């Protein structure tokens, strides 16, 4: 049951983010730059463009060789008497990783907060 809920939320996340983009654009950007309001399809395309651009910028560190070199440098900097404690801390962290639900819910919560803040500003101040 938890897996089904997590999968549903993971699949719904980009569509909810596109709704957030659409609302924020229509509330703030269209009036500020005298552009037309956008529909859901165009907002989804803008979300995909931003997502792709952010992945290009942020995922260049996923190169395994870079991580291996970083591990070697850090290992050389750690004193021998502290290595066992660090290894135990890492082992505990890998045995009890943060739940996947938090990784799925974080962007949904962020979009909800952005929508709520945008709605408040739009309704009360504009």
Protein backbone atom coordinates (compact mmCIF):
# COMPACT_ATOMS: atom_id res chain seq x y z
CA UNK A 1 0.00 0.00 0.00
CA UNK A 2 2.81 2.43 0.89
CA UNK A 3 4.53 1.68 -2.39
CA UNK A 4 1.36 2.42 -4.35
CA UNK A 5 0.91 5.75 -2.57
CA UNK A 6 4.57 6.67 -3.10
CA UNK A 7 4.37 5.75 -6.78
CA UNK A 8 1.19 7.78 -7.22
CA UNK A 9 2.73 10.81 -5.54
CA UNK A 10 5.92 10.47 -7.58
CA UNK A 11 3.91 10.36 -10.80
CA UNK A 12 1.67 13.26 -9.76
CA UNK A 13 4.55 15.50 -8.69
CA UNK A 14 5.48 16.96 -12.12
CA UNK A 15 1.83 17.62 -12.95
CA UNK A 16 1.34 19.45 -9.66
CA UNK A 17 4.52 21.42 -10.26
CA UNK A 18 3.18 22.44 -13.68
CA UNK A 19 -0.02 23.65 -12.03
CA UNK A 20 2.14 25.71 -9.68
CA UNK A 21 4.04 27.21 -12.62
CA UNK A 22 0.79 28.04 -14.39
CA UNK A 23 -0.77 29.76 -11.38
CA UNK A 24 2.34 31.74 -10.46
CA UNK A 25 2.88 32.82 -14.07
CA UNK A 26 -0.72 33.92 -14.51
CA UNK A 27 -0.81 35.71 -11.15
CA UNK A 28 2.50 37.55 -11.34
CA UNK A 29 4.55 37.26 -14.52
CA UNK A 30 1.91 37.87 -17.17
CA UNK A 31 0.91 41.21 -15.68
CA UNK A 32 4.45 42.28 -14.88
CA UNK A 33 5.77 41.79 -18.40
CA UNK A 34 2.45 42.40 -20.20
CA UNK A 35 2.35 38.87 -21.58
CA UNK A 36 -0.66 36.66 -22.03
CA UNK A 37 -1.69 34.11 -19.47
CA UNK A 38 -0.63 30.54 -20.17
CA UNK A 39 -2.54 27.29 -20.17
CA UNK A 40 -1.64 24.10 -18.40
CA UNK A 41 0.12 22.55 -21.40
CA UNK A 42 2.47 25.48 -21.84
CA UNK A 43 3.14 25.54 -18.08
CA UNK A 44 4.00 21.84 -18.20
CA UNK A 45 6.43 22.54 -21.05
CA UNK A 46 8.04 25.36 -19.06
CA UNK A 47 8.37 23.04 -16.08
CA UNK A 48 10.02 20.36 -18.25
CA UNK A 49 12.42 22.92 -19.69
CA UNK A 50 13.40 24.16 -16.23
CA UNK A 51 13.74 20.58 -14.97
CA UNK A 52 15.98 19.60 -17.89
CA UNK A 53 18.12 22.72 -17.52
CA UNK A 54 18.56 22.19 -13.79
CA UNK A 55 19.56 18.57 -14.34
CA UNK A 56 22.19 19.58 -16.87
CA UNK A 57 23.62 22.11 -14.42
CA UNK A 58 23.48 20.07 -11.21
CA UNK A 59 24.15 16.49 -12.27
CA UNK A 60 27.64 16.87 -13.66
CA UNK A 61 28.93 15.73 -10.25
CA UNK A 62 27.50 12.23 -10.69
CA UNK A 63 30.62 11.07 -12.46
CA UNK A 64 31.83 8.04 -10.48
CA UNK A 65 35.50 8.84 -11.07
CA UNK A 66 35.06 12.28 -9.53
CA UNK A 67 33.43 10.78 -6.45
CA UNK A 68 36.15 8.17 -6.17
CA UNK A 69 38.86 10.83 -6.30
CA UNK A 70 37.00 12.88 -3.70
CA UNK A 71 36.77 9.83 -1.44
CA UNK A 72 40.51 9.23 -1.75
CA UNK A 73 41.34 12.85 -0.88
CA UNK A 74 38.98 12.88 2.11
CA UNK A 75 40.32 9.52 3.29
CA UNK A 76 43.86 10.93 3.18
CA UNK A 77 42.79 13.92 5.30
CA UNK A 78 41.12 11.94 8.09
CA UNK A 79 43.43 10.93 10.95
CA UNK A 80 43.81 7.18 11.42
CA UNK A 81 42.39 7.24 14.96
CA UNK A 82 39.10 8.79 13.69
CA UNK A 83 38.53 6.55 10.65
CA UNK A 84 36.79 3.76 12.57
CA UNK A 85 34.29 6.18 14.14
CA UNK A 86 33.54 7.73 10.77
CA UNK A 87 33.10 4.30 9.21
CA UNK A 88 30.59 3.38 11.93
CA UNK A 89 28.67 6.62 11.40
CA UNK A 90 28.51 5.98 7.67
CA UNK A 91 27.36 2.41 8.26
CA UNK A 92 24.53 3.60 10.56
CA UNK A 93 23.47 6.19 8.01
CA UNK A 94 23.37 3.67 5.16
CA UNK A 95 21.48 1.15 7.29
CA UNK A 96 18.83 3.75 8.16
CA UNK A 97 18.47 5.98 5.11
CA UNK A 98 15.96 8.80 5.03
CA UNK A 99 12.60 7.49 3.90
CA UNK A 100 11.75 7.77 0.24
CA UNK A 101 8.50 9.42 1.25
CA UNK A 102 10.37 12.53 2.37
CA UNK A 103 12.10 12.72 -1.00
CA UNK A 104 8.74 12.49 -2.73
CA UNK A 105 6.83 14.79 -0.39
CA UNK A 106 9.41 17.61 -0.19
CA UNK A 107 8.76 18.99 -3.69
CA UNK A 108 5.00 18.61 -3.24
CA UNK A 109 5.15 20.55 0.02
CA UNK A 110 7.35 23.20 -1.62
CA UNK A 111 4.86 23.63 -4.47
CA UNK A 112 1.99 23.85 -1.99
CA UNK A 113 3.79 26.54 0.00
CA UNK A 114 4.58 28.47 -3.18
CA UNK A 115 0.95 28.26 -4.29
CA UNK A 116 -0.32 29.34 -0.87
CA UNK A 117 2.08 32.28 -0.63
CA UNK A 118 1.35 33.29 -4.21
CA UNK A 119 -2.40 33.09 -3.67
CA UNK A 120 -2.17 35.21 -0.52
CA UNK A 121 -0.12 37.89 -2.24
CA UNK A 122 -2.31 37.77 -5.34
CA UNK A 123 -5.58 37.90 -3.41
CA UNK A 124 -4.62 40.44 -0.77
CA UNK A 125 -2.05 42.73 -2.34
CA UNK A 126 -2.76 42.83 -6.07
